[in-house]
Amino acid sequence: MATKVDRSVYFLNLLRRAQDSGHIRPDVDGDDVFTLVTAVSLVSERMTAMADRHEHLLSVVLDGLAARKTGPDRMAS
């Protein structure tokens, strides 16, 4: 059975690989991801009116973590 430390190391390695491949913003760290996902979960859990929007809210957060492509049609971050 994986320990909490094992899962944290696995997650951080996964995050770094996603950043190295250009899929996740380079300015994001594990604490950022944990905080954002936790916030969505807490809002969905405590605000019953938002419970049915949990998947949508999580999708918005995850989309925001994606690396942005720069080019003539996009402003550089």
PDB file of N, CA and C in Angstrom:
ATOM      1  N   MET A   1       0.847  -1.182   0.000  1.00  0.00           N
ATOM      2  CA  MET A   1       0.000   0.000   0.000  1.00  0.00           C
ATOM      3  C   MET A   1       0.893   1.246   0.000  1.00  0.00           C
ATOM      4  N   ALA A   2       0.579   2.192  -0.861  1.00  0.00           N
ATOM      5  CA  ALA A   2       1.376   3.414  -0.971  1.00  0.00           C
ATOM      6  C   ALA A   2       1.128   4.312   0.239  1.00  0.00           C
ATOM      7  N   THR A   3       2.192   4.921   0.700  1.00  0.00           N
ATOM      8  CA  THR A   3       2.079   5.858   1.817  1.00  0.00           C
ATOM      9  C   THR A   3       1.759   7.244   1.280  1.00  0.00           C
ATOM     10  N   LYS A   4       1.430   8.148   2.187  1.00  0.00           N
ATOM     11  CA  LYS A   4       1.158   9.535   1.812  1.00  0.00           C
ATOM     12  C   LYS A   4       2.380  10.146   1.127  1.00  0.00           C
ATOM     13  N   VAL A   5       3.555   9.842   1.632  1.00  0.00           N
ATOM     14  CA  VAL A   5       4.794  10.360   1.041  1.00  0.00           C
ATOM     15  C   VAL A   5       4.972   9.810  -0.368  1.00  0.00           C
ATOM     16  N   ASP A   6       4.718   8.512  -0.558  1.00  0.00           N
ATOM     17  CA  ASP A   6       4.829   7.901  -1.884  1.00  0.00           C
ATOM     18  C   ASP A   6       3.894   8.594  -2.881  1.00  0.00           C
ATOM     19  N   ARG A   7       2.668   8.855  -2.456  1.00  0.00           N
ATOM     20  CA  ARG A   7       1.700   9.506  -3.338  1.00  0.00           C
ATOM     21  C   ARG A   7       2.132  10.934  -3.654  1.00  0.00           C
ATOM     22  N   SER A   8       2.685  11.634  -2.680  1.00  0.00           N
ATOM     23  CA  SER A   8       3.148  12.997  -2.908  1.00  0.00           C
ATOM     24  C   SER A   8       4.305  13.030  -3.901  1.00  0.00           C
ATOM     25  N   VAL A   9       5.246  12.112  -3.747  1.00  0.00           N
ATOM     26  CA  VAL A   9       6.382  12.037  -4.661  1.00  0.00           C
ATOM     27  C   VAL A   9       5.894  11.692  -6.062  1.00  0.00           C
ATOM     28  N   TYR A  10       4.981  10.736  -6.158  1.00  0.00           N
ATOM     29  CA  TYR A  10       4.420  10.353  -7.452  1.00  0.00           C
ATOM     30  C   TYR A  10       3.731  11.545  -8.103  1.00  0.00           C
ATOM     31  N   PHE A  11       2.906  12.263  -7.347  1.00  0.00           N
ATOM     32  CA  PHE A  11       2.189  13.422  -7.874  1.00  0.00           C
ATOM     33  C   PHE A  11       3.161  14.494  -8.347  1.00  0.00           C
ATOM     34  N   LEU A  12       4.177  14.802  -7.545  1.00  0.00           N
ATOM     35  CA  LEU A  12       5.133  15.842  -7.929  1.00  0.00           C
ATOM     36  C   LEU A  12       5.923  15.446  -9.175  1.00  0.00           C
ATOM     37  N   ASN A  13       6.255  14.172  -9.305  1.00  0.00           N
ATOM     38  CA  ASN A  13       6.931  13.699 -10.517  1.00  0.00           C
ATOM     39  C   ASN A  13       6.016  13.827 -11.728  1.00  0.00           C
ATOM     40  N   LEU A  14       4.750  13.488 -11.546  1.00  0.00           N
ATOM     41  CA  LEU A  14       3.771  13.601 -12.628  1.00  0.00           C
ATOM     42  C   LEU A  14       3.599  15.066 -13.043  1.00  0.00           C
ATOM     43  N   LEU A  15       3.503  15.954 -12.060  1.00  0.00           N
ATOM     44  CA  LEU A  15       3.374  17.381 -12.341  1.00  0.00           C
ATOM     45  C   LEU A  15       4.596  17.884 -13.102  1.00  0.00           C
ATOM     46  N   ARG A  16       5.775  17.519 -12.658  1.00  0.00           N
ATOM     47  CA  ARG A  16       7.009  17.964 -13.323  1.00  0.00           C
ATOM     48  C   ARG A  16       7.072  17.452 -14.767  1.00  0.00           C
ATOM     49  N   ARG A  17       6.682  16.214 -14.988  1.00  0.00           N
ATOM     50  CA  ARG A  17       6.684  15.666 -16.354  1.00  0.00           C
ATOM     51  C   ARG A  17       5.691  16.424 -17.235  1.00  0.00           C
ATOM     52  N   ALA A  18       4.533  16.757 -16.681  1.00  0.00           N
ATOM     53  CA  ALA A  18       3.536  17.515 -17.447  1.00  0.00           C
ATOM     54  C   ALA A  18       4.064  18.913 -17.774  1.00  0.00           C
ATOM     55  N   GLN A  19       4.786  19.515 -16.842  1.00  0.00           N
ATOM     56  CA  GLN A  19       5.380  20.823 -17.104  1.00  0.00           C
ATOM     57  C   GLN A  19       6.500  20.717 -18.137  1.00  0.00           C
ATOM     58  N   ASP A  20       7.350  19.714 -17.989  1.00  0.00           N
ATOM     59  CA  ASP A  20       8.458  19.532 -18.929  1.00  0.00           C
ATOM     60  C   ASP A  20       7.972  19.292 -20.354  1.00  0.00           C
ATOM     61  N   SER A  21       6.813  18.663 -20.491  1.00  0.00           N
ATOM     62  CA  SER A  21       6.261  18.386 -21.821  1.00  0.00           C
ATOM     63  C   SER A  21       5.444  19.558 -22.363  1.00  0.00           C
ATOM     64  N   GLY A  22       5.276  20.613 -21.545  1.00  0.00           N
ATOM     65  CA  GLY A  22       4.563  21.799 -21.999  1.00  0.00           C
ATOM     66  C   GLY A  22       3.065  21.757 -21.824  1.00  0.00           C
ATOM     67  N   HIS A  23       2.555  20.791 -21.065  1.00  0.00           N
ATOM     68  CA  HIS A  23       1.107  20.674 -20.869  1.00  0.00           C
ATOM     69  C   HIS A  23       0.589  21.495 -19.693  1.00  0.00           C
ATOM     70  N   ILE A  24       1.425  21.697 -18.703  1.00  0.00           N
ATOM     71  CA  ILE A  24       1.026  22.447 -17.504  1.00  0.00           C
ATOM     72  C   ILE A  24       1.923  23.674 -17.365  1.00  0.00           C
ATOM     73  N   ARG A  25       1.339  24.757 -16.921  1.00  0.00           N
ATOM     74  CA  ARG A  25       2.091  26.004 -16.738  1.00  0.00           C
ATOM     75  C   ARG A  25       3.330  25.768 -15.883  1.00  0.00           C
ATOM     76  N   PRO A  26       4.433  26.388 -16.248  1.00  0.00           N
ATOM     77  CA  PRO A  26       5.673  26.196 -15.491  1.00  0.00           C
ATOM     78  C   PRO A  26       5.685  26.893 -14.130  1.00  0.00           C
ATOM     79  N   ASP A  27       4.783  27.845 -13.910  1.00  0.00           N
ATOM     80  CA  ASP A  27       4.769  28.594 -12.657  1.00  0.00           C
ATOM     81  C   ASP A  27       3.872  27.967 -11.594  1.00  0.00           C
ATOM     82  N   VAL A  28       3.388  26.753 -11.838  1.00  0.00           N
ATOM     83  CA  VAL A  28       2.496  26.049 -10.914  1.00  0.00           C
ATOM     84  C   VAL A  28       3.304  25.036 -10.111  1.00  0.00           C
ATOM     85  N   ASP A  29       3.013  24.950  -8.809  1.00  0.00           N
ATOM     86  CA  ASP A  29       3.659  23.906  -8.011  1.00  0.00           C
ATOM     87  C   ASP A  29       2.589  23.014  -7.379  1.00  0.00           C
ATOM     88  N   GLY A  30       3.035  21.985  -6.699  1.00  0.00           N
ATOM     89  CA  GLY A  30       2.117  21.030  -6.090  1.00  0.00           C
ATOM     90  C   GLY A  30       1.158  21.669  -5.106  1.00  0.00           C
ATOM     91  N   ASP A  31       1.631  22.644  -4.356  1.00  0.00           N
ATOM     92  CA  ASP A  31       0.752  23.333  -3.400  1.00  0.00           C
ATOM     93  C   ASP A  31      -0.365  24.077  -4.120  1.00  0.00           C
ATOM     94  N   ASP A  32      -0.051  24.675  -5.272  1.00  0.00           N
ATOM     95  CA  ASP A  32      -1.082  25.372  -6.051  1.00  0.00           C
ATOM     96  C   ASP A  32      -2.187  24.406  -6.468  1.00  0.00           C
ATOM     97  N   VAL A  33      -1.788  23.274  -7.034  1.00  0.00           N
ATOM     98  CA  VAL A  33      -2.770  22.292  -7.508  1.00  0.00           C
ATOM     99  C   VAL A  33      -3.598  21.778  -6.340  1.00  0.00           C
ATOM    100  N   PHE A  34      -2.947  21.418  -5.252  1.00  0.00           N
ATOM    101  CA  PHE A  34      -3.666  20.908  -4.080  1.00  0.00           C
ATOM    102  C   PHE A  34      -4.670  21.942  -3.566  1.00  0.00           C
ATOM    103  N   THR A  35      -4.247  23.193  -3.455  1.00  0.00           N
ATOM    104  CA  THR A  35      -5.116  24.248  -2.934  1.00  0.00           C
ATOM    105  C   THR A  35      -6.320  24.477  -3.836  1.00  0.00           C
ATOM    106  N   LEU A  36      -6.094  24.524  -5.139  1.00  0.00           N
ATOM    107  CA  LEU A  36      -7.195  24.764  -6.072  1.00  0.00           C
ATOM    108  C   LEU A  36      -8.203  23.618  -6.080  1.00  0.00           C
ATOM    109  N   VAL A  37      -7.718  22.402  -6.114  1.00  0.00           N
ATOM    110  CA  VAL A  37      -8.616  21.246  -6.135  1.00  0.00           C
ATOM    111  C   VAL A  37      -9.366  21.140  -4.807  1.00  0.00           C
ATOM    112  N   THR A  38      -8.688  21.412  -3.708  1.00  0.00           N
ATOM    113  CA  THR A  38      -9.333  21.395  -2.395  1.00  0.00           C
ATOM    114  C   THR A  38     -10.412  22.470  -2.305  1.00  0.00           C
ATOM    115  N   ALA A  39     -10.128  23.645  -2.840  1.00  0.00           N
ATOM    116  CA  ALA A  39     -11.108  24.736  -2.809  1.00  0.00           C
ATOM    117  C   ALA A  39     -12.380  24.350  -3.558  1.00  0.00           C
ATOM    118  N   VAL A  40     -12.224  23.756  -4.727  1.00  0.00           N
ATOM    119  CA  VAL A  40     -13.396  23.320  -5.499  1.00  0.00           C
ATOM    120  C   VAL A  40     -14.188  22.278  -4.708  1.00  0.00           C
ATOM    121  N   SER A  41     -13.483  21.346  -4.098  1.00  0.00           N
ATOM    122  CA  SER A  41     -14.155  20.303  -3.321  1.00  0.00           C
ATOM    123  C   SER A  41     -14.910  20.884  -2.135  1.00  0.00           C
ATOM    124  N   LEU A  42     -14.269  21.810  -1.422  1.00  0.00           N
ATOM    125  CA  LEU A  42     -14.920  22.414  -0.256  1.00  0.00           C
ATOM    126  C   LEU A  42     -16.145  23.220  -0.648  1.00  0.00           C
ATOM    127  N   VAL A  43     -16.041  24.002  -1.708  1.00  0.00           N
ATOM    128  CA  VAL A  43     -17.189  24.792  -2.161  1.00  0.00           C
ATOM    129  C   VAL A  43     -18.335  23.869  -2.555  1.00  0.00           C
ATOM    130  N   SER A  44     -18.009  22.830  -3.296  1.00  0.00           N
ATOM    131  CA  SER A  44     -19.048  21.896  -3.745  1.00  0.00           C
ATOM    132  C   SER A  44     -19.694  21.164  -2.581  1.00  0.00           C
ATOM    133  N   GLU A  45     -18.901  20.874  -1.569  1.00  0.00           N
ATOM    134  CA  GLU A  45     -19.398  20.134  -0.408  1.00  0.00           C
ATOM    135  C   GLU A  45     -20.227  21.011   0.517  1.00  0.00           C
ATOM    136  N   ARG A  46     -19.800  22.244   0.730  1.00  0.00           N
ATOM    137  CA  ARG A  46     -20.439  23.100   1.732  1.00  0.00           C
ATOM    138  C   ARG A  46     -21.534  23.996   1.181  1.00  0.00           C
ATOM    139  N   MET A  47     -21.477  24.262  -0.112  1.00  0.00           N
ATOM    140  CA  MET A  47     -22.511  25.092  -0.729  1.00  0.00           C
ATOM    141  C   MET A  47     -23.363  24.169  -1.593  1.00  0.00           C
ATOM    142  N   THR A  48     -24.439  23.687  -1.018  1.00  0.00           N
ATOM    143  CA  THR A  48     -25.245  22.671  -1.707  1.00  0.00           C
ATOM    144  C   THR A  48     -25.724  23.138  -3.076  1.00  0.00           C
ATOM    145  N   ALA A  49     -25.902  24.432  -3.260  1.00  0.00           N
ATOM    146  CA  ALA A  49     -26.332  24.944  -4.563  1.00  0.00           C
ATOM    147  C   ALA A  49     -25.261  24.740  -5.629  1.00  0.00           C
ATOM    148  N   MET A  50     -24.012  24.542  -5.210  1.00  0.00           N
ATOM    149  CA  MET A  50     -22.911  24.370  -6.155  1.00  0.00           C
ATOM    150  C   MET A  50     -22.537  22.904  -6.361  1.00  0.00           C
ATOM    151  N   ALA A  51     -23.134  22.009  -5.612  1.00  0.00           N
ATOM    152  CA  ALA A  51     -22.757  20.597  -5.663  1.00  0.00           C
ATOM    153  C   ALA A  51     -22.882  20.019  -7.067  1.00  0.00           C
ATOM    154  N   ASP A  52     -23.921  20.411  -7.786  1.00  0.00           N
ATOM    155  CA  ASP A  52     -24.099  19.867  -9.133  1.00  0.00           C
ATOM    156  C   ASP A  52     -23.147  20.497 -10.148  1.00  0.00           C
ATOM    157  N   ARG A  53     -22.389  21.500  -9.730  1.00  0.00           N
ATOM    158  CA  ARG A  53     -21.425  22.171 -10.613  1.00  0.00           C
ATOM    159  C   ARG A  53     -19.989  21.740 -10.327  1.00  0.00           C
ATOM    160  N   HIS A  54     -19.819  20.757  -9.471  1.00  0.00           N
ATOM    161  CA  HIS A  54     -18.489  20.298  -9.062  1.00  0.00           C
ATOM    162  C   HIS A  54     -17.603  19.965 -10.267  1.00  0.00           C
ATOM    163  N   GLU A  55     -18.092  19.150 -11.172  1.00  0.00           N
ATOM    164  CA  GLU A  55     -17.289  18.742 -12.327  1.00  0.00           C
ATOM    165  C   GLU A  55     -16.947  19.934 -13.209  1.00  0.00           C
ATOM    166  N   HIS A  56     -17.895  20.832 -13.397  1.00  0.00           N
ATOM    167  CA  HIS A  56     -17.639  22.029 -14.206  1.00  0.00           C
ATOM    168  C   HIS A  56     -16.565  22.895 -13.557  1.00  0.00           C
ATOM    169  N   LEU A  57     -16.692  23.133 -12.255  1.00  0.00           N
ATOM    170  CA  LEU A  57     -15.717  23.968 -11.553  1.00  0.00           C
ATOM    171  C   LEU A  57     -14.319  23.351 -11.602  1.00  0.00           C
ATOM    172  N   LEU A  58     -14.242  22.058 -11.404  1.00  0.00           N
ATOM    173  CA  LEU A  58     -12.952  21.379 -11.465  1.00  0.00           C
ATOM    174  C   LEU A  58     -12.366  21.486 -12.869  1.00  0.00           C
ATOM    175  N   SER A  59     -13.184  21.358 -13.874  1.00  0.00           N
ATOM    176  CA  SER A  59     -12.732  21.493 -15.257  1.00  0.00           C
ATOM    177  C   SER A  59     -12.171  22.893 -15.524  1.00  0.00           C
ATOM    178  N   VAL A  60     -12.837  23.909 -15.012  1.00  0.00           N
ATOM    179  CA  VAL A  60     -12.364  25.287 -15.177  1.00  0.00           C
ATOM    180  C   VAL A  60     -10.991  25.460 -14.519  1.00  0.00           C
ATOM    181  N   VAL A  61     -10.835  24.931 -13.316  1.00  0.00           N
ATOM    182  CA  VAL A  61      -9.547  25.024 -12.615  1.00  0.00           C
ATOM    183  C   VAL A  61      -8.465  24.289 -13.395  1.00  0.00           C
ATOM    184  N   LEU A  62      -8.744  23.077 -13.831  1.00  0.00           N
ATOM    185  CA  LEU A  62      -7.739  22.299 -14.552  1.00  0.00           C
ATOM    186  C   LEU A  62      -7.384  22.952 -15.885  1.00  0.00           C
ATOM    187  N   ASP A  63      -8.359  23.521 -16.572  1.00  0.00           N
ATOM    188  CA  ASP A  63      -8.069  24.247 -17.805  1.00  0.00           C
ATOM    189  C   ASP A  63      -7.147  25.431 -17.539  1.00  0.00           C
ATOM    190  N   GLY A  64      -7.327  26.064 -16.400  1.00  0.00           N
ATOM    191  CA  GLY A  64      -6.481  27.198 -16.035  1.00  0.00           C
ATOM    192  C   GLY A  64      -5.042  26.810 -15.743  1.00  0.00           C
ATOM    193  N   LEU A  65      -4.800  25.547 -15.431  1.00  0.00           N
ATOM    194  CA  LEU A  65      -3.441  25.071 -15.179  1.00  0.00           C
ATOM    195  C   LEU A  65      -2.697  24.750 -16.469  1.00  0.00           C
ATOM    196  N   ALA A  66      -3.439  24.637 -17.559  1.00  0.00           N
ATOM    197  CA  ALA A  66      -2.821  24.262 -18.832  1.00  0.00           C
ATOM    198  C   ALA A  66      -1.875  25.352 -19.319  1.00  0.00           C
ATOM    199  N   ALA A  67      -0.777  24.921 -19.918  1.00  0.00           N
ATOM    200  CA  ALA A  67       0.169  25.863 -20.498  1.00  0.00           C
ATOM    201  C   ALA A  67      -0.493  26.559 -21.674  1.00  0.00           C
ATOM    202  N   ARG A  68      -0.178  27.815 -21.844  1.00  0.00           N
ATOM    203  CA  ARG A  68      -0.753  28.588 -22.943  1.00  0.00           C
ATOM    204  C   ARG A  68       0.232  28.640 -24.095  1.00  0.00           C
ATOM    205  N   LYS A  69      -0.294  28.499 -25.259  1.00  0.00           N
ATOM    206  CA  LYS A  69       0.519  28.649 -26.463  1.00  0.00           C
ATOM    207  C   LYS A  69       0.542  30.127 -26.818  1.00  0.00           C
ATOM    208  N   THR A  70       1.695  30.640 -27.152  1.00  0.00           N
ATOM    209  CA  THR A  70       1.774  32.028 -27.595  1.00  0.00           C
ATOM    210  C   THR A  70       1.814  32.047 -29.112  1.00  0.00           C
ATOM    211  N   GLY A  71       1.363  33.088 -29.668  1.00  0.00           N
ATOM    212  CA  GLY A  71       1.340  33.226 -31.108  1.00  0.00           C
ATOM    213  C   GLY A  71       0.594  34.483 -31.485  1.00  0.00           C
ATOM    214  N   PRO A  72       0.370  34.701 -32.772  1.00  0.00           N
ATOM    215  CA  PRO A  72      -0.260  35.935 -33.212  1.00  0.00           C
ATOM    216  C   PRO A  72      -1.682  36.109 -32.692  1.00  0.00           C
ATOM    217  N   ASP A  73      -2.368  35.004 -32.409  1.00  0.00           N
ATOM    218  CA  ASP A  73      -3.756  35.109 -31.952  1.00  0.00           C
ATOM    219  C   ASP A  73      -3.898  35.041 -30.433  1.00  0.00           C
ATOM    220  N   ARG A  74      -2.777  34.916 -29.711  1.00  0.00           N
ATOM    221  CA  ARG A  74      -2.823  34.843 -28.244  1.00  0.00           C
ATOM    222  C   ARG A  74      -1.789  35.785 -27.666  1.00  0.00           C
ATOM    223  N   MET A  75      -2.159  36.404 -26.579  1.00  0.00           N
ATOM    224  CA  MET A  75      -1.206  37.270 -25.887  1.00  0.00           C
ATOM    225  C   MET A  75      -0.291  36.408 -25.041  1.00  0.00           C
ATOM    226  N   ALA A  76       0.970  36.748 -24.972  1.00  0.00           N
ATOM    227  CA  ALA A  76       1.912  36.022 -24.124  1.00  0.00           C
ATOM    228  C   ALA A  76       1.602  36.326 -22.673  1.00  0.00           C
ATOM    229  N   SER A  77       1.729  35.321 -21.815  1.00  0.00           N
ATOM    230  CA  SER A  77       1.460  35.501 -20.382  1.00  0.00           C
ATOM    231  C   SER A  77       2.643  36.153 -19.722  1.00  0.00           C
TER     232      SER A  77
END
